[in-house]
């Protein structure tokens, strides 16, 4: 085999190995980036669920406060009405 053909063969082999290595590295980075997207989505959904739960709890607390204020008005209104009579 001539020196030129050996150089060409080595160049082709090195180019092929470098190409395959680069493609595998790129695939691994893409897979990692996609996985990070899933983690971000899960965190976003969890935060949204916490926010919705907090909103429901806040609404329940507001309803309870309204009911307690009505009861308090009835009790204080009834006590002062009874004291007048």
PDB file of N, CA and C in Angstrom:
ATOM      1  N   UNK A   1       0.845  -1.169   0.000  1.00  0.00           N
ATOM      2  CA  UNK A   1       0.000   0.000   0.000  1.00  0.00           C
ATOM      3  C   UNK A   1       0.899   1.245   0.000  1.00  0.00           C
ATOM      4  N   UNK A   2       0.540   2.202  -0.779  1.00  0.00           N
ATOM      5  CA  UNK A   2       1.361   3.398  -0.899  1.00  0.00           C
ATOM      6  C   UNK A   2       1.160   4.307   0.315  1.00  0.00           C
ATOM      7  N   UNK A   3       2.041   5.207   0.507  1.00  0.00           N
ATOM      8  CA  UNK A   3       1.983   6.136   1.629  1.00  0.00           C
ATOM      9  C   UNK A   3       0.750   7.026   1.525  1.00  0.00           C
ATOM     10  N   UNK A   4       0.388   7.429   0.317  1.00  0.00           N
ATOM     11  CA  UNK A   4      -0.776   8.294   0.132  1.00  0.00           C
ATOM     12  C   UNK A   4      -2.060   7.559   0.515  1.00  0.00           C
ATOM     13  N   UNK A   5      -2.154   6.288   0.160  1.00  0.00           N
ATOM     14  CA  UNK A   5      -3.361   5.537   0.495  1.00  0.00           C
ATOM     15  C   UNK A   5      -3.442   5.289   2.004  1.00  0.00           C
ATOM     16  N   UNK A   6      -2.285   5.093   2.648  1.00  0.00           N
ATOM     17  CA  UNK A   6      -2.279   4.917   4.110  1.00  0.00           C
ATOM     18  C   UNK A   6      -2.743   6.194   4.808  1.00  0.00           C
ATOM     19  N   UNK A   7      -2.284   7.326   4.329  1.00  0.00           N
ATOM     20  CA  UNK A   7      -2.682   8.613   4.906  1.00  0.00           C
ATOM     21  C   UNK A   7      -4.181   8.842   4.699  1.00  0.00           C
ATOM     22  N   UNK A   8      -4.663   8.517   3.524  1.00  0.00           N
ATOM     23  CA  UNK A   8      -6.091   8.671   3.228  1.00  0.00           C
ATOM     24  C   UNK A   8      -6.919   7.750   4.115  1.00  0.00           C
ATOM     25  N   UNK A   9      -6.501   6.506   4.274  1.00  0.00           N
ATOM     26  CA  UNK A   9      -7.210   5.550   5.136  1.00  0.00           C
ATOM     27  C   UNK A   9      -7.227   6.039   6.585  1.00  0.00           C
ATOM     28  N   UNK A  10      -6.104   6.484   7.095  1.00  0.00           N
ATOM     29  CA  UNK A  10      -6.032   6.979   8.479  1.00  0.00           C
ATOM     30  C   UNK A  10      -6.912   8.222   8.643  1.00  0.00           C
ATOM     31  N   UNK A  11      -6.888   9.093   7.650  1.00  0.00           N
ATOM     32  CA  UNK A  11      -7.728  10.288   7.708  1.00  0.00           C
ATOM     33  C   UNK A  11      -9.204   9.924   7.733  1.00  0.00           C
ATOM     34  N   UNK A  12      -9.587   8.957   6.922  1.00  0.00           N
ATOM     35  CA  UNK A  12     -10.983   8.511   6.891  1.00  0.00           C
ATOM     36  C   UNK A  12     -11.392   7.882   8.213  1.00  0.00           C
ATOM     37  N   UNK A  13     -10.521   7.064   8.774  1.00  0.00           N
ATOM     38  CA  UNK A  13     -10.814   6.408  10.057  1.00  0.00           C
ATOM     39  C   UNK A  13     -10.952   7.460  11.158  1.00  0.00           C
ATOM     40  N   UNK A  14     -10.016   8.401  11.217  1.00  0.00           N
ATOM     41  CA  UNK A  14     -10.081   9.445  12.235  1.00  0.00           C
ATOM     42  C   UNK A  14     -11.337  10.297  12.074  1.00  0.00           C
ATOM     43  N   UNK A  15     -11.687  10.644  10.835  1.00  0.00           N
ATOM     44  CA  UNK A  15     -12.896  11.430  10.589  1.00  0.00           C
ATOM     45  C   UNK A  15     -14.135  10.664  11.037  1.00  0.00           C
ATOM     46  N   UNK A  16     -14.184   9.363  10.736  1.00  0.00           N
ATOM     47  CA  UNK A  16     -15.331   8.537  11.116  1.00  0.00           C
ATOM     48  C   UNK A  16     -15.459   8.436  12.631  1.00  0.00           C
ATOM     49  N   UNK A  17     -14.356   8.165  13.315  1.00  0.00           N
ATOM     50  CA  UNK A  17     -14.374   8.060  14.778  1.00  0.00           C
ATOM     51  C   UNK A  17     -14.783   9.394  15.392  1.00  0.00           C
ATOM     52  N   UNK A  18     -14.253  10.488  14.886  1.00  0.00           N
ATOM     53  CA  UNK A  18     -14.608  11.803  15.416  1.00  0.00           C
ATOM     54  C   UNK A  18     -16.084  12.103  15.175  1.00  0.00           C
ATOM     55  N   UNK A  19     -16.605  11.733  14.016  1.00  0.00           N
ATOM     56  CA  UNK A  19     -18.017  11.974  13.708  1.00  0.00           C
ATOM     57  C   UNK A  19     -18.925  11.163  14.629  1.00  0.00           C
ATOM     58  N   UNK A  20     -18.627   9.894  14.798  1.00  0.00           N
ATOM     59  CA  UNK A  20     -19.448   9.031  15.659  1.00  0.00           C
ATOM     60  C   UNK A  20     -19.398   9.526  17.099  1.00  0.00           C
ATOM     61  N   UNK A  21     -18.214   9.903  17.570  1.00  0.00           N
ATOM     62  CA  UNK A  21     -18.072  10.418  18.932  1.00  0.00           C
ATOM     63  C   UNK A  21     -18.878  11.702  19.106  1.00  0.00           C
ATOM     64  N   UNK A  22     -18.794  12.586  18.135  1.00  0.00           N
ATOM     65  CA  UNK A  22     -19.527  13.852  18.220  1.00  0.00           C
ATOM     66  C   UNK A  22     -21.036  13.620  18.240  1.00  0.00           C
ATOM     67  N   UNK A  23     -21.518  12.693  17.424  1.00  0.00           N
ATOM     68  CA  UNK A  23     -22.952  12.406  17.385  1.00  0.00           C
ATOM     69  C   UNK A  23     -23.416  11.828  18.717  1.00  0.00           C
ATOM     70  N   UNK A  24     -22.665  10.903  19.292  1.00  0.00           N
ATOM     71  CA  UNK A  24     -23.033  10.326  20.592  1.00  0.00           C
ATOM     72  C   UNK A  24     -23.029  11.390  21.683  1.00  0.00           C
ATOM     73  N   UNK A  25     -22.037  12.257  21.676  1.00  0.00           N
ATOM     74  CA  UNK A  25     -21.971  13.331  22.673  1.00  0.00           C
ATOM     75  C   UNK A  25     -23.184  14.253  22.531  1.00  0.00           C
ATOM     76  N   UNK A  26     -23.522  14.588  21.274  1.00  0.00           N
ATOM     77  CA  UNK A  26     -24.665  15.459  21.024  1.00  0.00           C
ATOM     78  C   UNK A  26     -25.968  14.793  21.474  1.00  0.00           C
ATOM     79  N   UNK A  27     -26.121  13.507  21.234  1.00  0.00           N
ATOM     80  CA  UNK A  27     -27.322  12.790  21.668  1.00  0.00           C
ATOM     81  C   UNK A  27     -27.434  12.774  23.192  1.00  0.00           C
ATOM     82  N   UNK A  28     -26.329  12.562  23.865  1.00  0.00           N
ATOM     83  CA  UNK A  28     -26.354  12.558  25.330  1.00  0.00           C
ATOM     84  C   UNK A  28     -26.741  13.931  25.876  1.00  0.00           C
ATOM     85  N   UNK A  29     -26.203  14.987  25.291  1.00  0.00           N
ATOM     86  CA  UNK A  29     -26.559  16.342  25.723  1.00  0.00           C
ATOM     87  C   UNK A  29     -28.037  16.619  25.474  1.00  0.00           C
ATOM     88  N   UNK A  30     -28.550  16.195  24.327  1.00  0.00           N
ATOM     89  CA  UNK A  30     -29.963  16.398  24.001  1.00  0.00           C
ATOM     90  C   UNK A  30     -30.859  15.629  24.978  1.00  0.00           C
ATOM     91  N   UNK A  31     -30.485  14.406  25.304  1.00  0.00           N
ATOM     92  CA  UNK A  31     -31.253  13.607  26.255  1.00  0.00           C
ATOM     93  C   UNK A  31     -31.252  14.266  27.636  1.00  0.00           C
ATOM     94  N   UNK A  32     -30.111  14.792  28.047  1.00  0.00           N
ATOM     95  CA  UNK A  32     -30.016  15.476  29.331  1.00  0.00           C
ATOM     96  C   UNK A  32     -30.871  16.748  29.341  1.00  0.00           C
ATOM     97  N   UNK A  33     -30.835  17.495  28.254  1.00  0.00           N
ATOM     98  CA  UNK A  33     -31.624  18.720  28.146  1.00  0.00           C
ATOM     99  C   UNK A  33     -33.125  18.400  28.183  1.00  0.00           C
ATOM    100  N   UNK A  34     -33.531  17.340  27.530  1.00  0.00           N
ATOM    101  CA  UNK A  34     -34.931  16.936  27.548  1.00  0.00           C
ATOM    102  C   UNK A  34     -35.359  16.502  28.953  1.00  0.00           C
ATOM    103  N   UNK A  35     -34.483  15.804  29.643  1.00  0.00           N
ATOM    104  CA  UNK A  35     -34.789  15.374  31.008  1.00  0.00           C
ATOM    105  C   UNK A  35     -34.942  16.578  31.934  1.00  0.00           C
ATOM    106  N   UNK A  36     -34.100  17.582  31.748  1.00  0.00           N
ATOM    107  CA  UNK A  36     -34.228  18.794  32.554  1.00  0.00           C
ATOM    108  C   UNK A  36     -35.565  19.483  32.282  1.00  0.00           C
ATOM    109  N   UNK A  37     -36.051  19.404  31.055  1.00  0.00           N
ATOM    110  CA  UNK A  37     -37.362  19.960  30.728  1.00  0.00           C
ATOM    111  C   UNK A  37     -38.474  19.247  31.482  1.00  0.00           C
ATOM    112  N   UNK A  38     -38.360  17.938  31.597  1.00  0.00           N
ATOM    113  CA  UNK A  38     -39.353  17.170  32.349  1.00  0.00           C
ATOM    114  C   UNK A  38     -39.318  17.568  33.816  1.00  0.00           C
ATOM    115  N   UNK A  39     -38.133  17.730  34.369  1.00  0.00           N
ATOM    116  CA  UNK A  39     -38.003  18.125  35.775  1.00  0.00           C
ATOM    117  C   UNK A  39     -38.618  19.512  35.983  1.00  0.00           C
ATOM    118  N   UNK A  40     -38.351  20.443  35.065  1.00  0.00           N
ATOM    119  CA  UNK A  40     -38.943  21.784  35.178  1.00  0.00           C
ATOM    120  C   UNK A  40     -40.462  21.729  35.091  1.00  0.00           C
ATOM    121  N   UNK A  41     -40.983  20.894  34.192  1.00  0.00           N
ATOM    122  CA  UNK A  41     -42.434  20.761  34.062  1.00  0.00           C
ATOM    123  C   UNK A  41     -43.056  20.208  35.337  1.00  0.00           C
ATOM    124  N   UNK A  42     -42.410  19.208  35.929  1.00  0.00           N
ATOM    125  CA  UNK A  42     -42.926  18.641  37.178  1.00  0.00           C
ATOM    126  C   UNK A  42     -42.927  19.684  38.292  1.00  0.00           C
ATOM    127  N   UNK A  43     -41.869  20.472  38.368  1.00  0.00           N
ATOM    128  CA  UNK A  43     -41.799  21.520  39.389  1.00  0.00           C
ATOM    129  C   UNK A  43     -42.865  22.581  39.145  1.00  0.00           C
ATOM    130  N   UNK A  44     -43.085  22.933  37.882  1.00  0.00           N
ATOM    131  CA  UNK A  44     -44.101  23.935  37.544  1.00  0.00           C
ATOM    132  C   UNK A  44     -45.498  23.418  37.896  1.00  0.00           C
ATOM    133  N   UNK A  45     -45.765  22.159  37.593  1.00  0.00           N
ATOM    134  CA  UNK A  45     -47.068  21.580  37.920  1.00  0.00           C
ATOM    135  C   UNK A  45     -47.272  21.490  39.429  1.00  0.00           C
ATOM    136  N   UNK A  46     -46.222  21.128  40.159  1.00  0.00           N
ATOM    137  CA  UNK A  46     -46.332  21.063  41.612  1.00  0.00           C
ATOM    138  C   UNK A  46     -46.610  22.448  42.191  1.00  0.00           C
ATOM    139  N   UNK A  47     -45.942  23.456  41.668  1.00  0.00           N
ATOM    140  CA  UNK A  47     -46.174  24.825  42.148  1.00  0.00           C
ATOM    141  C   UNK A  47     -47.599  25.274  41.832  1.00  0.00           C
ATOM    142  N   UNK A  48     -48.086  24.907  40.661  1.00  0.00           N
ATOM    143  CA  UNK A  48     -49.453  25.264  40.286  1.00  0.00           C
ATOM    144  C   UNK A  48     -50.455  24.564  41.197  1.00  0.00           C
ATOM    145  N   UNK A  49     -50.205  23.307  41.522  1.00  0.00           N
ATOM    146  CA  UNK A  49     -51.094  22.578  42.426  1.00  0.00           C
ATOM    147  C   UNK A  49     -51.081  23.195  43.819  1.00  0.00           C
ATOM    148  N   UNK A  50     -49.893  23.594  44.295  1.00  0.00           N
ATOM    149  CA  UNK A  50     -49.811  24.262  45.596  1.00  0.00           C
ATOM    150  C   UNK A  50     -50.589  25.572  45.578  1.00  0.00           C
ATOM    151  N   UNK A  51     -50.466  26.316  44.482  1.00  0.00           N
ATOM    152  CA  UNK A  51     -51.169  27.592  44.368  1.00  0.00           C
ATOM    153  C   UNK A  51     -52.681  27.366  44.368  1.00  0.00           C
ATOM    154  N   UNK A  52     -53.139  26.358  43.640  1.00  0.00           N
ATOM    155  CA  UNK A  52     -54.570  26.065  43.600  1.00  0.00           C
ATOM    156  C   UNK A  52     -55.065  25.615  44.981  1.00  0.00           C
ATOM    157  N   UNK A  53     -54.277  24.795  45.659  1.00  0.00           N
ATOM    158  CA  UNK A  53     -54.646  24.345  47.010  1.00  0.00           C
ATOM    159  C   UNK A  53     -54.699  25.530  47.968  1.00  0.00           C
ATOM    160  N   UNK A  54     -53.739  26.429  47.854  1.00  0.00           N
ATOM    161  CA  UNK A  54     -53.737  27.626  48.705  1.00  0.00           C
ATOM    162  C   UNK A  54     -54.961  28.489  48.424  1.00  0.00           C
ATOM    163  N   UNK A  55     -55.335  28.598  47.157  1.00  0.00           N
ATOM    164  CA  UNK A  55     -56.515  29.394  46.802  1.00  0.00           C
ATOM    165  C   UNK A  55     -57.780  28.759  47.379  1.00  0.00           C
ATOM    166  N   UNK A  56     -57.884  27.426  47.312  1.00  0.00           N
ATOM    167  CA  UNK A  56     -59.050  26.741  47.887  1.00  0.00           C
ATOM    168  C   UNK A  56     -59.093  26.918  49.399  1.00  0.00           C
ATOM    169  N   UNK A  57     -57.933  26.791  50.030  1.00  0.00           N
ATOM    170  CA  UNK A  57     -57.869  26.955  51.481  1.00  0.00           C
ATOM    171  C   UNK A  57     -58.222  28.395  51.873  1.00  0.00           C
ATOM    172  N   UNK A  58     -57.746  29.364  51.104  1.00  0.00           N
ATOM    173  CA  UNK A  58     -58.052  30.765  51.379  1.00  0.00           C
ATOM    174  C   UNK A  58     -59.552  31.021  51.265  1.00  0.00           C
ATOM    175  N   UNK A  59     -60.166  30.461  50.230  1.00  0.00           N
ATOM    176  CA  UNK A  59     -61.607  30.626  50.036  1.00  0.00           C
ATOM    177  C   UNK A  59     -62.373  29.980  51.195  1.00  0.00           C
ATOM    178  N   UNK A  60     -61.928  28.813  51.638  1.00  0.00           N
ATOM    179  CA  UNK A  60     -62.579  28.152  52.769  1.00  0.00           C
ATOM    180  C   UNK A  60     -62.437  28.997  54.038  1.00  0.00           C
ATOM    181  N   UNK A  61     -61.269  29.596  54.229  1.00  0.00           N
ATOM    182  CA  UNK A  61     -61.058  30.454  55.394  1.00  0.00           C
ATOM    183  C   UNK A  61     -61.946  31.697  55.317  1.00  0.00           C
ATOM    184  N   UNK A  62     -62.092  32.258  54.140  1.00  0.00           N
ATOM    185  CA  UNK A  62     -62.962  33.426  53.985  1.00  0.00           C
ATOM    186  C   UNK A  62     -64.414  33.057  54.286  1.00  0.00           C
ATOM    187  N   UNK A  63     -64.857  31.905  53.794  1.00  0.00           N
ATOM    188  CA  UNK A  63     -66.231  31.459  54.048  1.00  0.00           C
ATOM    189  C   UNK A  63     -66.438  31.230  55.544  1.00  0.00           C
ATOM    190  N   UNK A  64     -65.476  30.601  56.195  1.00  0.00           N
ATOM    191  CA  UNK A  64     -65.573  30.367  57.636  1.00  0.00           C
ATOM    192  C   UNK A  64     -65.620  31.688  58.393  1.00  0.00           C
ATOM    193  N   UNK A  65     -64.802  32.655  57.960  1.00  0.00           N
ATOM    194  CA  UNK A  65     -64.799  33.961  58.618  1.00  0.00           C
ATOM    195  C   UNK A  65     -66.161  34.645  58.467  1.00  0.00           C
ATOM    196  N   UNK A  66     -66.753  34.564  57.261  1.00  0.00           N
ATOM    197  CA  UNK A  66     -68.071  35.159  57.055  1.00  0.00           C
ATOM    198  C   UNK A  66     -69.113  34.509  57.971  1.00  0.00           C
ATOM    199  N   UNK A  67     -69.068  33.192  58.071  1.00  0.00           N
ATOM    200  CA  UNK A  67     -70.028  32.483  58.923  1.00  0.00           C
ATOM    201  C   UNK A  67     -69.839  32.865  60.394  1.00  0.00           C
ATOM    202  N   UNK A  68     -68.585  32.937  60.828  1.00  0.00           N
ATOM    203  CA  UNK A  68     -68.318  33.290  62.223  1.00  0.00           C
ATOM    204  C   UNK A  68     -68.740  34.731  62.514  1.00  0.00           C
ATOM    205  N   UNK A  69     -68.528  35.628  61.558  1.00  0.00           N
ATOM    206  CA  UNK A  69     -68.964  37.019  61.757  1.00  0.00           C
ATOM    207  C   UNK A  69     -70.485  37.106  61.849  1.00  0.00           C
ATOM    208  N   UNK A  70     -71.192  36.328  61.041  1.00  0.00           N
ATOM    209  CA  UNK A  70     -72.658  36.306  61.129  1.00  0.00           C
ATOM    210  C   UNK A  70     -73.089  35.780  62.494  1.00  0.00           C
ATOM    211  N   UNK A  71     -72.450  34.722  62.964  1.00  0.00           N
ATOM    212  CA  UNK A  71     -72.784  34.176  64.280  1.00  0.00           C
ATOM    213  C   UNK A  71     -72.485  35.192  65.368  1.00  0.00           C
ATOM    214  N   UNK A  72     -71.372  35.885  65.239  1.00  0.00           N
ATOM    215  CA  UNK A  72     -70.991  36.879  66.230  1.00  0.00           C
ATOM    216  C   UNK A  72     -71.994  38.029  66.238  1.00  0.00           C
ATOM    217  N   UNK A  73     -72.465  38.444  65.061  1.00  0.00           N
ATOM    218  CA  UNK A  73     -73.469  39.511  64.984  1.00  0.00           C
ATOM    219  C   UNK A  73     -74.768  39.061  65.629  1.00  0.00           C
ATOM    220  N   UNK A  74     -75.150  37.797  65.410  1.00  0.00           N
ATOM    221  CA  UNK A  74     -76.372  37.279  66.007  1.00  0.00           C
ATOM    222  C   UNK A  74     -76.257  37.228  67.531  1.00  0.00           C
ATOM    223  N   UNK A  75     -75.117  36.765  68.017  1.00  0.00           N
ATOM    224  CA  UNK A  75     -74.916  36.652  69.456  1.00  0.00           C
ATOM    225  C   UNK A  75     -74.853  38.036  70.087  1.00  0.00           C
ATOM    226  N   UNK A  76     -74.068  38.931  69.521  1.00  0.00           N
ATOM    227  CA  UNK A  76     -73.959  40.285  70.115  1.00  0.00           C
ATOM    228  C   UNK A  76     -75.242  41.075  69.884  1.00  0.00           C
ATOM    229  N   UNK A  77     -75.923  40.876  68.787  1.00  0.00           N
ATOM    230  CA  UNK A  77     -77.196  41.542  68.536  1.00  0.00           C
ATOM    231  C   UNK A  77     -78.274  41.007  69.474  1.00  0.00           C
ATOM    232  N   UNK A  78     -78.279  39.723  69.722  1.00  0.00           N
ATOM    233  CA  UNK A  78     -79.252  39.123  70.628  1.00  0.00           C
ATOM    234  C   UNK A  78     -78.987  39.505  72.068  1.00  0.00           C
ATOM    235  N   UNK A  79     -77.714  39.618  72.448  1.00  0.00           N
ATOM    236  CA  UNK A  79     -77.385  39.975  73.827  1.00  0.00           C
ATOM    237  C   UNK A  79     -77.742  41.421  74.114  1.00  0.00           C
ATOM    238  N   UNK A  80     -77.475  42.328  73.190  1.00  0.00           N
ATOM    239  CA  UNK A  80     -77.806  43.728  73.422  1.00  0.00           C
ATOM    240  C   UNK A  80     -79.327  43.940  73.311  1.00  0.00           C
ATOM    241  N   UNK A  81     -79.982  43.181  72.449  1.00  0.00           N
ATOM    242  CA  UNK A  81     -81.423  43.282  72.336  1.00  0.00           C
ATOM    243  C   UNK A  81     -82.104  42.771  73.612  1.00  0.00           C
ATOM    244  N   UNK A  82     -81.534  41.742  74.210  1.00  0.00           N
ATOM    245  CA  UNK A  82     -82.083  41.201  75.449  1.00  0.00           C
ATOM    246  C   UNK A  82     -81.825  42.121  76.618  1.00  0.00           C
ATOM    247  N   UNK A  83     -80.712  42.825  76.590  1.00  0.00           N
ATOM    248  CA  UNK A  83     -80.388  43.733  77.698  1.00  0.00           C
ATOM    249  C   UNK A  83     -81.321  44.952  77.679  1.00  0.00           C
ATOM    250  N   UNK A  84     -81.775  45.360  76.525  1.00  0.00           N
ATOM    251  CA  UNK A  84     -82.667  46.518  76.404  1.00  0.00           C
ATOM    252  C   UNK A  84     -84.047  46.190  76.910  1.00  0.00           C
ATOM    253  N   UNK A  85     -84.473  44.973  76.753  1.00  0.00           N
ATOM    254  CA  UNK A  85     -85.859  44.603  77.099  1.00  0.00           C
ATOM    255  C   UNK A  85     -86.026  44.411  78.551  1.00  0.00           C
TER     256      UNK A  85
END
